[in-house]
Amino acid sequence: MTLDQLPIGKPAKITFVRGEGALRGRLLDMGLTPRTRVVIQKVAPMGDPIELTLRGYELTLRLDDAREIVVEAEEAAAGKE
């Protein structure tokens, strides 16, 4: 599943960041790296952008960018360990 599909309040871990060049570099620079825990806190009234909590701070991200981040819900991740 990608980050844009994650329900509000459900924790997940980033498994992979897609994209190329500047976009991928920008996402990684913002702390959206594999094994990072993220939670969607809010969605704008029109659905875009979304607000996430990760690494102790809030980040607002466009849905187009969120589609480049592959996540795994924490319950599913815990079951594989």
N, C-alpha and C. Protein backbone atom coordinates (compact mmCIF):
# COMPACT_ATOMS: atom_id res chain seq x y z
N MET A 1 0.86 -1.17 0.00
CA MET A 1 0.00 0.00 0.00
C MET A 1 0.90 1.23 0.00
N THR A 2 0.41 2.31 -0.54
CA THR A 2 1.17 3.55 -0.53
C THR A 2 0.62 4.48 0.55
N LEU A 3 1.42 5.48 0.90
CA LEU A 3 1.08 6.36 2.01
C LEU A 3 -0.26 7.08 1.82
N ASP A 4 -0.62 7.39 0.59
CA ASP A 4 -1.90 8.07 0.35
C ASP A 4 -3.10 7.18 0.66
N GLN A 5 -2.90 5.87 0.77
CA GLN A 5 -3.99 4.92 1.04
C GLN A 5 -4.12 4.58 2.53
N LEU A 6 -3.18 5.04 3.33
CA LEU A 6 -3.18 4.73 4.76
C LEU A 6 -4.31 5.48 5.48
N PRO A 7 -5.10 4.79 6.30
CA PRO A 7 -6.18 5.47 7.03
C PRO A 7 -5.62 6.42 8.10
N ILE A 8 -6.38 7.44 8.43
CA ILE A 8 -5.98 8.40 9.46
C ILE A 8 -5.80 7.67 10.78
N GLY A 9 -4.70 7.96 11.47
CA GLY A 9 -4.44 7.42 12.80
C GLY A 9 -3.83 6.03 12.84
N LYS A 10 -3.71 5.36 11.71
CA LYS A 10 -3.16 4.00 11.70
C LYS A 10 -1.64 4.07 11.47
N PRO A 11 -0.85 3.57 12.41
CA PRO A 11 0.61 3.63 12.25
C PRO A 11 1.10 2.66 11.18
N ALA A 12 2.16 3.06 10.50
CA ALA A 12 2.77 2.22 9.47
C ALA A 12 4.26 2.50 9.42
N LYS A 13 4.99 1.59 8.78
CA LYS A 13 6.42 1.78 8.57
C LYS A 13 6.67 1.90 7.07
N ILE A 14 7.53 2.82 6.73
CA ILE A 14 7.92 3.00 5.33
C ILE A 14 8.78 1.81 4.93
N THR A 15 8.46 1.20 3.79
CA THR A 15 9.27 0.08 3.31
C THR A 15 10.12 0.47 2.11
N PHE A 16 9.65 1.43 1.31
CA PHE A 16 10.39 1.81 0.10
C PHE A 16 9.94 3.19 -0.36
N VAL A 17 10.87 3.97 -0.88
CA VAL A 17 10.55 5.27 -1.44
C VAL A 17 10.83 5.20 -2.94
N ARG A 18 9.77 5.33 -3.74
CA ARG A 18 9.92 5.30 -5.19
C ARG A 18 10.26 6.69 -5.69
N GLY A 19 10.29 6.84 -6.98
CA GLY A 19 10.59 8.14 -7.58
C GLY A 19 12.03 8.18 -8.03
N GLU A 20 12.35 9.25 -8.75
CA GLU A 20 13.70 9.40 -9.28
C GLU A 20 14.19 10.81 -9.07
N GLY A 21 15.49 10.95 -9.06
CA GLY A 21 16.12 12.26 -9.05
C GLY A 21 15.75 13.13 -7.87
N ALA A 22 15.41 14.38 -8.19
CA ALA A 22 15.15 15.39 -7.17
C ALA A 22 13.98 15.03 -6.27
N LEU A 23 12.91 14.45 -6.83
CA LEU A 23 11.75 14.10 -6.01
C LEU A 23 12.14 13.09 -4.93
N ARG A 24 12.80 12.02 -5.32
CA ARG A 24 13.18 10.99 -4.35
C ARG A 24 14.15 11.58 -3.31
N GLY A 25 15.09 12.36 -3.76
CA GLY A 25 16.04 12.99 -2.84
C GLY A 25 15.35 13.90 -1.84
N ARG A 26 14.36 14.65 -2.30
CA ARG A 26 13.62 15.56 -1.42
C ARG A 26 12.83 14.78 -0.37
N LEU A 27 12.18 13.69 -0.78
CA LEU A 27 11.43 12.86 0.17
C LEU A 27 12.35 12.26 1.23
N LEU A 28 13.49 11.76 0.81
CA LEU A 28 14.44 11.18 1.76
C LEU A 28 14.99 12.26 2.69
N ASP A 29 15.27 13.44 2.16
CA ASP A 29 15.78 14.55 2.99
C ASP A 29 14.77 14.98 4.05
N MET A 30 13.48 14.81 3.77
CA MET A 30 12.45 15.17 4.74
C MET A 30 12.28 14.12 5.83
N GLY A 31 13.07 13.05 5.76
CA GLY A 31 13.00 12.01 6.79
C GLY A 31 12.13 10.83 6.42
N LEU A 32 11.62 10.80 5.22
CA LEU A 32 10.77 9.69 4.77
C LEU A 32 11.65 8.56 4.25
N THR A 33 12.30 7.88 5.16
CA THR A 33 13.24 6.82 4.81
C THR A 33 12.69 5.46 5.25
N PRO A 34 13.17 4.39 4.63
CA PRO A 34 12.70 3.05 5.04
C PRO A 34 12.88 2.81 6.54
N ARG A 35 11.94 2.06 7.11
CA ARG A 35 11.86 1.69 8.53
C ARG A 35 11.42 2.84 9.43
N THR A 36 11.02 3.96 8.85
CA THR A 36 10.52 5.09 9.64
C THR A 36 9.03 4.90 9.90
N ARG A 37 8.61 5.11 11.15
CA ARG A 37 7.19 4.99 11.54
C ARG A 37 6.48 6.29 11.18
N VAL A 38 5.33 6.18 10.51
CA VAL A 38 4.53 7.35 10.15
C VAL A 38 3.08 7.13 10.55
N VAL A 39 2.39 8.23 10.84
CA VAL A 39 0.96 8.21 11.15
C VAL A 39 0.33 9.41 10.46
N ILE A 40 -0.74 9.21 9.73
CA ILE A 40 -1.47 10.33 9.14
C ILE A 40 -2.34 10.94 10.23
N GLN A 41 -2.17 12.23 10.46
CA GLN A 41 -2.92 12.93 11.50
C GLN A 41 -4.16 13.62 10.96
N LYS A 42 -4.04 14.26 9.79
CA LYS A 42 -5.15 15.03 9.24
C LYS A 42 -5.12 14.97 7.73
N VAL A 43 -6.29 15.20 7.15
CA VAL A 43 -6.41 15.33 5.70
C VAL A 43 -7.13 16.65 5.45
N ALA A 44 -6.65 17.43 4.50
CA ALA A 44 -7.27 18.70 4.17
C ALA A 44 -8.71 18.48 3.70
N PRO A 45 -9.58 19.49 3.84
CA PRO A 45 -10.99 19.33 3.47
C PRO A 45 -11.22 18.81 2.04
N MET A 46 -10.38 19.20 1.11
CA MET A 46 -10.54 18.72 -0.27
C MET A 46 -9.74 17.44 -0.54
N GLY A 47 -9.12 16.88 0.53
CA GLY A 47 -8.39 15.62 0.40
C GLY A 47 -6.91 15.75 0.13
N ASP A 48 -6.43 16.94 -0.15
CA ASP A 48 -5.01 17.13 -0.47
C ASP A 48 -4.58 18.48 0.05
N PRO A 49 -3.57 18.60 0.86
CA PRO A 49 -2.56 17.62 1.26
C PRO A 49 -2.95 16.85 2.52
N ILE A 50 -2.01 16.00 2.98
CA ILE A 50 -2.18 15.26 4.22
C ILE A 50 -1.10 15.69 5.20
N GLU A 51 -1.41 15.56 6.50
CA GLU A 51 -0.43 15.88 7.53
C GLU A 51 -0.02 14.60 8.23
N LEU A 52 1.29 14.36 8.30
CA LEU A 52 1.84 13.16 8.91
C LEU A 52 2.63 13.51 10.16
N THR A 53 2.78 12.54 11.02
CA THR A 53 3.72 12.66 12.13
C THR A 53 4.78 11.59 11.91
N LEU A 54 6.03 12.01 11.94
CA LEU A 54 7.15 11.10 11.84
C LEU A 54 8.36 11.71 12.52
N ARG A 55 9.18 10.88 13.12
CA ARG A 55 10.43 11.33 13.76
C ARG A 55 10.23 12.51 14.72
N GLY A 56 9.05 12.59 15.35
CA GLY A 56 8.79 13.63 16.32
C GLY A 56 8.38 14.98 15.76
N TYR A 57 8.04 15.05 14.48
CA TYR A 57 7.57 16.31 13.92
C TYR A 57 6.42 16.06 12.95
N GLU A 58 5.72 17.14 12.61
CA GLU A 58 4.61 17.06 11.67
C GLU A 58 5.10 17.50 10.29
N LEU A 59 4.62 16.81 9.27
CA LEU A 59 5.00 17.10 7.89
C LEU A 59 3.74 17.11 7.04
N THR A 60 3.60 18.12 6.21
CA THR A 60 2.49 18.19 5.27
C THR A 60 3.01 17.76 3.91
N LEU A 61 2.27 16.85 3.26
CA LEU A 61 2.73 16.25 2.02
C LEU A 61 1.59 16.19 1.01
N ARG A 62 1.89 16.48 -0.23
CA ARG A 62 0.88 16.36 -1.29
C ARG A 62 0.60 14.89 -1.58
N LEU A 63 -0.60 14.60 -2.03
CA LEU A 63 -0.97 13.21 -2.34
C LEU A 63 -0.10 12.64 -3.45
N ASP A 64 0.26 13.45 -4.44
CA ASP A 64 1.13 12.96 -5.52
C ASP A 64 2.46 12.46 -4.97
N ASP A 65 2.99 13.15 -3.97
CA ASP A 65 4.24 12.72 -3.35
C ASP A 65 4.01 11.50 -2.46
N ALA A 66 2.89 11.47 -1.75
CA ALA A 66 2.57 10.34 -0.87
C ALA A 66 2.42 9.04 -1.65
N ARG A 67 2.03 9.13 -2.91
CA ARG A 67 1.88 7.92 -3.74
C ARG A 67 3.22 7.27 -4.06
N GLU A 68 4.31 7.97 -3.84
CA GLU A 68 5.65 7.44 -4.11
C GLU A 68 6.24 6.70 -2.91
N ILE A 69 5.52 6.68 -1.79
CA ILE A 69 6.04 6.09 -0.56
C ILE A 69 5.26 4.82 -0.24
N VAL A 70 5.94 3.69 -0.26
CA VAL A 70 5.31 2.40 0.02
C VAL A 70 5.42 2.14 1.52
N VAL A 71 4.28 1.81 2.15
CA VAL A 71 4.25 1.57 3.59
C VAL A 71 3.62 0.21 3.88
N GLU A 72 3.87 -0.26 5.10
CA GLU A 72 3.26 -1.49 5.59
C GLU A 72 2.65 -1.18 6.94
N ALA A 73 1.37 -1.49 7.11
CA ALA A 73 0.70 -1.25 8.40
C ALA A 73 1.46 -1.98 9.50
N GLU A 74 1.54 -1.37 10.68
CA GLU A 74 2.35 -1.94 11.75
C GLU A 74 1.88 -3.32 12.21
N GLU A 75 0.57 -3.60 12.20
CA GLU A 75 0.10 -4.93 12.60
C GLU A 75 0.66 -5.98 11.65
N ALA A 76 0.65 -5.69 10.35
CA ALA A 76 1.18 -6.64 9.37
C ALA A 76 2.68 -6.79 9.53
N ALA A 77 3.37 -5.70 9.82
CA ALA A 77 4.82 -5.76 10.01
C ALA A 77 5.17 -6.59 11.25
N ALA A 78 4.40 -6.45 12.32
CA ALA A 78 4.67 -7.19 13.55
C ALA A 78 4.45 -8.69 13.36
N GLY A 79 3.51 -9.06 12.52
CA GLY A 79 3.22 -10.47 12.29
C GLY A 79 4.31 -11.19 11.51
N LYS A 80 5.14 -10.45 10.76
CA LYS A 80 6.20 -11.07 9.97
C LYS A 80 7.47 -11.29 10.75
N GLU A 81 7.63 -10.64 11.90
CA GLU A 81 8.88 -10.75 12.67
C GLU A 81 8.91 -11.99 13.51
